[in-house]
Amino acid sequence: MKRNYILITAILCVFFSQSSVLAAGCCPPKEKEDAGTKATPETCPKDDKLATIFENIKKATEKLKTCESDISYLFIQDPDLIDSRTLRTGKLYYQKGKPSLLRIRFETLKQDDFDEEKRVEDYKFDGVWFTKVDYKLKQIDEYQQAPTDKPVGVFELINRQFPLIGFSGVETLQKDFDIKLVENASDDPNSPIQLLLTVKKDSKFSDEYKKIDFWIDSSTFLPSRIKAYKTQDDVNDIRFLGTKINKNLKKAVFTIETPAHFSKNIEPLKQKPTTKGN
């Protein structure tokens, strides 16, 4: 369950934290002396400009009411040694509210060189419960993330597992990451913008990640891709296609209907131990 849970929070992070990223501009790439110069990282200065960028990201995210996107998720197990590849495709839906709602539905699976097959898995978060439904295994897993009377937002859930750009201040992120803008070797103005976050040795994420690449569409300033390099040498590569923002979503989008015969595993929220006063 842990890998799936972190996968979903990674998907959430790249989508919801990056809306209209760089709308106010970022550290501008240096002028290239040679058109054939290879892409090289350029460190963003630790000044008000970077802080402004993150503030604009936060403001753009706050304006996000609903979204819908096709997603492609490629998991590469140890590419230098095993290089086993699993590709899933599906849809993502989000709606802001009290509570906010999120659903990710994978429809297909392709393992290495085998043919693509239909493999449906549903993931949903409703502010209290994180639910996974595996239709092939006929299994439902429900994990409580907050008290019933105190639901948490999607962003708060993400922040527990993944560096959430725009919600963690730039100074906080710089404690955990070296943040760089990757200069694009292409002269095409429509080329995506790439940000590279390299994990520092003393970072709270150092046990999970080595570095994380973000690509942002330069015309819409919406996320197009995230590539997370894990400490176990695995790679999570997630792409977003056909993103639609602030369109009306039907309630049925967030309704998961499962057959009664599916087995169910329910894990309530663990209660913190209380201590009595003297």
Foldseek 3Di string as FASTA:
>chain_A
DVVVLLLVLVVVQQFLQFQLQQVVHFDDDDDDPDLQDAKDWDFGDPDVRVQVRLQVSLVRSVPFAKKKWKKKKWKFQQCVPPRKIKIWIWMWIWGVDVATKIKTWTFWIDTDPDDIDGWIKMWMDRQFWTWIAGVVLLEIEIETDDDPVGGDYSVVSSVVNDPRRSVDGPVRLVVFWRKTWIDHSHPDQQFWTKIKTAGDPPHPCNQFFGIKMWTAGNPRSGTAWIWTQTPSRMIIIMGIPPMDTPDDDDPVVRDDDGDPPRYYHYDYDDDDDDDDDD
